[in-house]
Structure formats: C-alpha cells, structure tokens
C-alpha atoms as a PDB file:
ATOM      1  CA  MET A   1      50.040 -32.920  14.871  1.00  0.00           C
ATOM      2  CA  ASP A   2      49.371 -34.509  18.258  1.00  0.00           C
ATOM      3  CA  ASP A   3      51.639 -36.092  19.947  1.00  0.00           C
ATOM      4  CA  VAL A   4      51.445 -39.967  19.001  1.00  0.00           C
ATOM      5  CA  ASN A   5      49.956 -42.151  21.474  1.00  0.00           C
ATOM      6  CA  ALA A   6      52.548 -44.825  22.437  1.00  0.00           C
ATOM      7  CA  SER A   7      49.571 -47.486  23.002  1.00  0.00           C
ATOM      8  CA  GLU A   8      48.025 -46.543  20.167  1.00  0.00           C
ATOM      9  CA  LEU A   9      50.970 -47.741  18.330  1.00  0.00           C
ATOM     10  CA  THR A  10      51.897 -50.311  20.212  1.00  0.00           C
ATOM     11  CA  GLY A  11      48.530 -51.845  19.810  1.00  0.00           C
ATOM     12  CA  THR A  12      48.429 -51.910  16.411  1.00  0.00           C
ATOM     13  CA  LEU A  13      48.824 -55.569  14.227  1.00  0.00           C
ATOM     14  CA  ALA A  14      51.736 -54.179  11.915  1.00  0.00           C
ATOM     15  CA  PHE A  15      53.774 -53.473  15.175  1.00  0.00           C
ATOM     16  CA  ARG A  16      52.623 -56.246  16.720  1.00  0.00           C
ATOM     17  CA  LEU A  17      53.679 -58.510  13.909  1.00  0.00           C
ATOM     18  CA  GLY A  18      56.458 -57.006  13.339  1.00  0.00           C
ATOM     19  CA  ILE A  19      58.215 -56.814  16.653  1.00  0.00           C
ATOM     20  CA  LEU A  20      56.633 -60.855  17.241  1.00  0.00           C
ATOM     21  CA  GLY A  21      58.103 -61.902  14.031  1.00  0.00           C
ATOM     22  CA  SER A  22      61.844 -60.401  14.977  1.00  0.00           C
ATOM     23  CA  LEU A  23      61.528 -62.133  18.724  1.00  0.00           C
ATOM     24  CA  VAL A  24      60.387 -65.799  16.409  1.00  0.00           C
ATOM     25  CA  SER A  25      63.348 -64.997  13.698  1.00  0.00           C
ATOM     26  CA  ALA A  26      65.357 -65.183  16.574  1.00  0.00           C
ATOM     27  CA  ARG A  27      64.549 -67.936  18.138  1.00  0.00           C
ATOM     28  CA  PHE A  28      64.228 -69.883  15.188  1.00  0.00           C
ATOM     29  CA  ALA A  29      67.860 -69.070  14.103  1.00  0.00           C
ATOM     30  CA  ASP A  30      68.714 -70.096  17.811  1.00  0.00           C
ATOM     31  CA  ALA A  31      66.927 -73.069  17.336  1.00  0.00           C
ATOM     32  CA  VAL A  32      68.051 -74.708  13.899  1.00  0.00           C
ATOM     33  CA  GLU A  33      71.696 -73.418  14.668  1.00  0.00           C
ATOM     34  CA  PRO A  34      73.174 -76.428  16.209  1.00  0.00           C
ATOM     35  CA  LEU A  35      71.767 -78.426  13.151  1.00  0.00           C
ATOM     36  CA  GLY A  36      74.556 -76.652  11.307  1.00  0.00           C
ATOM     37  CA  VAL A  37      71.836 -74.123   9.440  1.00  0.00           C
ATOM     38  CA  LYS A  38      70.299 -71.070   9.110  1.00  0.00           C
ATOM     39  CA  PRO A  39      66.597 -69.988   8.660  1.00  0.00           C
ATOM     40  CA  LYS A  40      67.477 -69.487   4.808  1.00  0.00           C
ATOM     41  CA  HIS A  41      68.854 -72.621   4.398  1.00  0.00           C
ATOM     42  CA  VAL A  42      65.447 -74.483   5.928  1.00  0.00           C
ATOM     43  CA  GLY A  43      63.662 -72.060   3.606  1.00  0.00           C
ATOM     44  CA  LEU A  44      65.881 -73.612   0.552  1.00  0.00           C
ATOM     45  CA  MET A  45      65.580 -76.885   1.890  1.00  0.00           C
ATOM     46  CA  ALA A  46      61.536 -76.070   2.219  1.00  0.00           C
ATOM     47  CA  VAL A  47      61.516 -75.296  -1.294  1.00  0.00           C
ATOM     48  CA  LEU A  48      63.421 -78.339  -2.872  1.00  0.00           C
ATOM     49  CA  SER A  49      61.218 -80.609  -0.588  1.00  0.00           C
ATOM     50  CA  THR A  50      58.241 -80.080  -3.002  1.00  0.00           C
ATOM     51  CA  GLY A  51      60.241 -83.277  -4.495  1.00  0.00           C
ATOM     52  CA  THR A  52      60.970 -81.537  -8.479  1.00  0.00           C
ATOM     53  CA  PRO A  53      64.248 -80.613  -9.063  1.00  0.00           C
ATOM     54  CA  ALA A  54      64.741 -76.547  -9.553  1.00  0.00           C
ATOM     55  CA  SER A  55      67.215 -74.009 -10.864  1.00  0.00           C
ATOM     56  CA  GLN A  56      69.010 -71.648  -8.802  1.00  0.00           C
ATOM     57  CA  GLN A  57      66.924 -69.119 -10.625  1.00  0.00           C
ATOM     58  CA  GLU A  58      63.792 -70.503 -10.060  1.00  0.00           C
ATOM     59  CA  ILE A  59      64.737 -70.786  -6.599  1.00  0.00           C
ATOM     60  CA  ALA A  60      65.580 -67.502  -5.939  1.00  0.00           C
ATOM     61  CA  ARG A  61      62.565 -66.353  -7.479  1.00  0.00           C
ATOM     62  CA  THR A  62      60.268 -68.659  -4.871  1.00  0.00           C
ATOM     63  CA  MET A  63      62.154 -67.123  -2.408  1.00  0.00           C
ATOM     64  CA  GLY A  64      62.397 -63.647  -3.208  1.00  0.00           C
ATOM     65  CA  VAL A  65      65.797 -63.361  -2.996  1.00  0.00           C
ATOM     66  CA  MET A  66      68.654 -62.496  -5.127  1.00  0.00           C
ATOM     67  CA  PRO A  67      71.040 -65.416  -7.230  1.00  0.00           C
ATOM     68  CA  SER A  68      73.817 -65.457  -5.836  1.00  0.00           C
ATOM     69  CA  LEU A  69      72.476 -65.525  -2.201  1.00  0.00           C
ATOM     70  CA  VAL A  70      70.572 -69.236  -3.580  1.00  0.00           C
ATOM     71  CA  VAL A  71      74.412 -69.926  -4.734  1.00  0.00           C
ATOM     72  CA  GLY A  72      75.867 -69.660  -1.212  1.00  0.00           C
ATOM     73  CA  LEU A  73      73.211 -71.490   0.512  1.00  0.00           C
ATOM     74  CA  ALA A  74      73.444 -74.435  -1.751  1.00  0.00           C
ATOM     75  CA  ASP A  75      77.211 -74.169  -1.285  1.00  0.00           C
ATOM     76  CA  GLN A  76      76.915 -74.580   2.078  1.00  0.00           C
ATOM     77  CA  LEU A  77      73.883 -77.348   2.278  1.00  0.00           C
ATOM     78  CA  GLU A  78      76.001 -79.520  -0.897  1.00  0.00           C
ATOM     79  CA  ALA A  79      78.861 -79.237   1.646  1.00  0.00           C
ATOM     80  CA  LEU A  80      76.629 -80.930   4.412  1.00  0.00           C
ATOM     81  CA  GLY A  81      75.379 -83.044   2.212  1.00  0.00           C
ATOM     82  CA  ALA A  82      71.794 -81.881   2.433  1.00  0.00           C
ATOM     83  CA  ILE A  83      71.626 -81.121  -1.607  1.00  0.00           C
ATOM     84  CA  GLU A  84      73.181 -82.111  -4.866  1.00  0.00           C
ATOM     85  CA  ARG A  85      73.534 -80.132  -8.109  1.00  0.00           C
ATOM     86  CA  VAL A  86      72.830 -81.777 -11.436  1.00  0.00           C
ATOM     87  CA  ARG A  87      73.194 -80.369 -14.583  1.00  0.00           C
ATOM     88  CA  ASP A  88      70.236 -79.594 -16.585  1.00  0.00           C
ATOM     89  CA  PRO A  89      69.677 -81.878 -19.788  1.00  0.00           C
ATOM     90  CA  ASP A  90      68.056 -78.968 -21.387  1.00  0.00           C
ATOM     91  CA  ASP A  91      70.541 -76.276 -20.557  1.00  0.00           C
ATOM     92  CA  ARG A  92      73.977 -77.336 -19.811  1.00  0.00           C
ATOM     93  CA  ARG A  93      74.693 -73.329 -18.281  1.00  0.00           C
ATOM     94  CA  ARG A  94      71.712 -74.325 -15.638  1.00  0.00           C
ATOM     95  CA  GLN A  95      72.338 -76.431 -12.303  1.00  0.00           C
ATOM     96  CA  LYS A  96      69.290 -78.215 -10.874  1.00  0.00           C
ATOM     97  CA  LEU A  97      69.259 -78.599  -6.860  1.00  0.00           C
ATOM     98  CA  SER A  98      67.626 -81.694  -4.734  1.00  0.00           C
ATOM     99  CA  LEU A  99      67.352 -82.750  -1.639  1.00  0.00           C
ATOM    100  CA  THR A 100      69.428 -85.659  -0.359  1.00  0.00           C
ATOM    101  CA  ASP A 101      68.415 -88.682   1.821  1.00  0.00           C
ATOM    102  CA  THR A 102      70.277 -86.839   4.225  1.00  0.00           C
ATOM    103  CA  GLY A 103      68.469 -83.170   3.490  1.00  0.00           C
ATOM    104  CA  ARG A 104      65.307 -85.040   3.852  1.00  0.00           C
ATOM    105  CA  ALA A 105      66.630 -85.816   7.271  1.00  0.00           C
ATOM    106  CA  LEU A 106      67.433 -82.259   8.426  1.00  0.00           C
ATOM    107  CA  LEU A 107      64.654 -80.639   7.295  1.00  0.00           C
ATOM    108  CA  ASP A 108      62.448 -83.325   9.435  1.00  0.00           C
ATOM    109  CA  THR A 109      64.597 -82.851  12.065  1.00  0.00           C
ATOM    110  CA  CYS A 110      64.451 -79.055  11.371  1.00  0.00           C
ATOM    111  CA  LEU A 111      60.802 -79.361  11.440  1.00  0.00           C
ATOM    112  CA  ALA A 112      60.540 -81.175  14.762  1.00  0.00           C
ATOM    113  CA  VAL A 113      62.113 -77.902  16.227  1.00  0.00           C
ATOM    114  CA  THR A 114      60.292 -75.954  14.452  1.00  0.00           C
ATOM    115  CA  ASN A 115      56.835 -77.689  16.152  1.00  0.00           C
ATOM    116  CA  ALA A 116      58.125 -77.236  19.332  1.00  0.00           C
ATOM    117  CA  LEU A 117      58.541 -73.711  18.602  1.00  0.00           C
ATOM    118  CA  ASP A 118      55.123 -73.562  17.671  1.00  0.00           C
ATOM    119  CA  ALA A 119      53.754 -75.574  21.125  1.00  0.00           C
ATOM    120  CA  ASP A 120      55.973 -73.167  23.090  1.00  0.00           C
ATOM    121  CA  LEU A 121      54.654 -69.877  21.664  1.00  0.00           C
ATOM    122  CA  THR A 122      51.101 -71.235  21.464  1.00  0.00           C
ATOM    123  CA  ALA A 123      51.446 -72.638  25.042  1.00  0.00           C
ATOM    124  CA  SER A 124      48.777 -70.410  26.691  1.00  0.00           C
ATOM    125  CA  LEU A 125      46.021 -70.927  23.626  1.00  0.00           C
ATOM    126  CA  GLY A 126      43.479 -73.235  23.289  1.00  0.00           C
ATOM    127  CA  ALA A 127      43.291 -75.222  20.579  1.00  0.00           C
ATOM    128  CA  PRO A 128      40.551 -73.206  18.931  1.00  0.00           C
ATOM    129  CA  ASP A 129      42.712 -70.286  19.086  1.00  0.00           C
ATOM    130  CA  ARG A 130      45.942 -71.931  18.084  1.00  0.00           C
ATOM    131  CA  ASP A 131      43.828 -73.123  14.768  1.00  0.00           C
ATOM    132  CA  ALA A 132      42.410 -69.575  14.569  1.00  0.00           C
ATOM    133  CA  LEU A 133      45.547 -67.923  14.277  1.00  0.00           C
ATOM    134  CA  ARG A 134      47.327 -70.595  12.069  1.00  0.00           C
ATOM    135  CA  ARG A 135      44.527 -69.929   9.726  1.00  0.00           C
ATOM    136  CA  ILE A 136      44.678 -66.075   9.975  1.00  0.00           C
ATOM    137  CA  LEU A 137      48.257 -66.242   9.527  1.00  0.00           C
ATOM    138  CA  GLY A 138      47.774 -68.437   6.639  1.00  0.00           C
ATOM    139  CA  THR A 139      45.148 -65.917   5.260  1.00  0.00           C
ATOM    140  CA  LEU A 140      47.620 -63.155   5.588  1.00  0.00           C
ATOM    141  CA  ALA A 141      50.506 -64.972   4.474  1.00  0.00           C
ATOM    142  CA  ARG A 142      48.895 -65.687   0.965  1.00  0.00           C
ATOM    143  CA  GLU A 143      47.790 -62.223   0.722  1.00  0.00           C
ATOM    144  CA  ALA A 144      51.388 -60.785   0.938  1.00  0.00           C
ATOM    145  CA  GLY A 145      51.997 -63.486  -1.630  1.00  0.00           C
ATOM    146  CA  LEU A 146      54.057 -65.907   0.009  1.00  0.00           C
ATOM    147  CA  PRO A 147      54.309 -69.511  -1.405  1.00  0.00           C
ATOM    148  CA  GLY A 148      52.884 -72.612  -0.557  1.00  0.00           C
ATOM    149  CA  GLN A 149      50.771 -71.303   2.054  1.00  0.00           C
ATOM    150  CA  SER A 150      47.132 -73.398   2.740  1.00  0.00           C
ATOM    151  CA  GLY A 151      46.798 -71.575   6.191  1.00  0.00           C
ATOM    152  CA  THR A 152      45.677 -75.306   7.590  1.00  0.00           C
ATOM    153  CA  GLU A 153      49.300 -77.184   7.619  1.00  0.00           C
ATOM    154  CA  GLY A 154      50.704 -78.008  10.854  1.00  0.00           C
ATOM    155  CA  PRO A 155      49.837 -79.777  13.831  1.00  0.00           C
ATOM    156  CA  SER A 156      47.370 -78.328  16.239  1.00  0.00           C
ATOM    157  CA  HIS A 157      49.267 -79.295  19.550  1.00  0.00           C
END
C-alpha cells in the first residue's frame, strides 16, 4: 500500500470542512458565551423562533439530540427568561416550549454576533464568492438533512 500523501488528505473537502467546522464552532461558542449561552442553546432558540410552540420531544427530533439534552437546555434558557414552558392542553404529560420576548431579543443578539463572525470569516471573499459559498453550503446542509436550510438566508455583507 502506498503512503498517504498529506497534501492529498488535507486538500479533501471532508478534511477542510471538518477542520474549518471545528475552528468556526469554537469561535461561535466563544462569541456567544458572554451572552450566557452555548451554541446548542442558540440552536434550541432558533428552532423555537418559528413561533409554533413545540414539545421537548419534537425539538429533540428536529435538533437530532437526546430529549434529556433538550430538557437541560430548556432549564437553562428558562432560568434566563428566554423561554417558557406550558403544559400541552391536549396531553398534560407534555410541555410545549416557546420563546419569550427576552428570548427573541437574545436570539436577535446571537444573530448579530453570528453575522459579525460570518463577515470576519469571509472578509477575503468578494460578494459573488460569499453568495456562492452560502448557496453551496445550503445545498450540502439540505442534502445532509439539516432543518431550515434554504441556502439563501443571511446577508451577503
């Protein structure tokens, strides 16, 4: 078997997206930490931003996480006043979560932080390349089954 050529490996999309994803994830976590949240909190609030109250089970399925994680995230967001839990009138065993005004304001702040991070990450790209990158990543995200991916959302800076 031939030795793996390092430049071939590091030149693959999977390798580059994986490394960039790790770096961007860390930068995003650092950016939202001063707001008292972590990326998964932001994800939960984004799911709730559709305006339709959702059960913790439904949210877990949408986010692709264990329901117990959603419960913990919801506890923390509720303590911040960002979400509220309401018993489902159709099934008293279930609680539905929804964003509060405080949660919507926090999510708006997270969006501003994320837009600034996007601008920093793509500062060396021209507008056509930024738009193409957003479109291509949207396509890849849709193909991977990620929810809410149109590939066109967000400013083009």
